[in-house]
């Protein structure tokens, strides 16, 4: 017996197509394009001269346009602007600044109108996405039956879910990520051999088929239904670090419900646009949540602290998984003290979901250019070379 995935309702699809979130994103996108064009235009004007090529000074032309308005190819008649190039650049920059200021005033008015609607839309949509008690019961029963089935094949194995099932972002439409813990399977070849045994055991279950992906970075076994409307599973062996990271994200989610609301909304919105699939080169749900936590930690005042930084500053006992120190603080009193310290004299952050969502889109859609997205301070624990080529640091 497996949990049944409810089909996406027409109401939900309509939310994706014409939601306030889509309007806000188009607004952020257009603002971002305007700023990008401004930067490119000013940069281009500093290297290219108007009319006569890159090396020629900008000078006034007293010649009137030829009769009939015909201008020879390759020439531009300059009749309105004179002076050195630096003056022209400053004039161009001032013109763009005035235009952006006018747009900013209109944007502030538009934002003030859209953000309350966005908050209401997002909260309503997320309530529609959350699993019912029946779905949760079916999911728990499915995991229990899978544990019983695999225990007959692998002695001492333990089924440990991770991902959205653990961190709170699971919906009836989500797959289930499962780590099968097997003593002694520490090498890649040993884990693949275990997966082959699991595949043999699961191949006898009707209505499902097994898709091995042994060449992936982490070897997995995809247990997929033969008909739509049933849950699919990705099974790995001794992927304990993923289990621990999922629990860490779950503790962040429990600190502030706005993280869950923002994550559920953005995940649904990106899935509807085919942008939430790591196997196709787009954002994974884990990466999306890390972006959200990083963003909420950077708010003024912050919405979330760094649970790992609290653990290090309080000298909590190290907890090593595969050679990585995975300690973090789960003491709510300590977390509240850390947030009070980070706020200083400021009151707690009470920004609405709509405001935070708009600012998140504006930050990562316009301001963020490059750099590591981290949810902890690692300079005291890791040498800088360890982060070369990294996008996210947990």
Foldseek 3Di string as FASTA:
>chain_A
DFFFFDDDDPVLVVCLPDNLLVVLLVLLQVLQVLVVVLVVVLVVLVQFEPFATRPDWFAADPDDQDPPNDDDPSGDHHHDDHDGSVVVSVVSNVVSVVVSVVVVVVVVVVLVVSLVRNLVSLVVSVVVFAEDPVSVVNNVVVLVVLQVLCCVQAPPKDKFWFDCVQQVLDGSVDAIEIEIEHPPQPDLVSFVVSVVSVQVSCCPDPQWHWDWDSVDPFTWIWIGGPDHGGHIYTYGYLPVVRRLVRNVSNLVCVLDVLLSSLLNRVCSSCVVVVQADVVVPHHHSSNVSLLLLLLQVPDQLHQFAQQQQLCVVVVPDFDDDPRDGSDGDSDVVSRVVVSCVSNPPHDHDDDGSSVSNSVSSSCVVHPDDADARESDDCVVPDPPVVCVPHNYDD
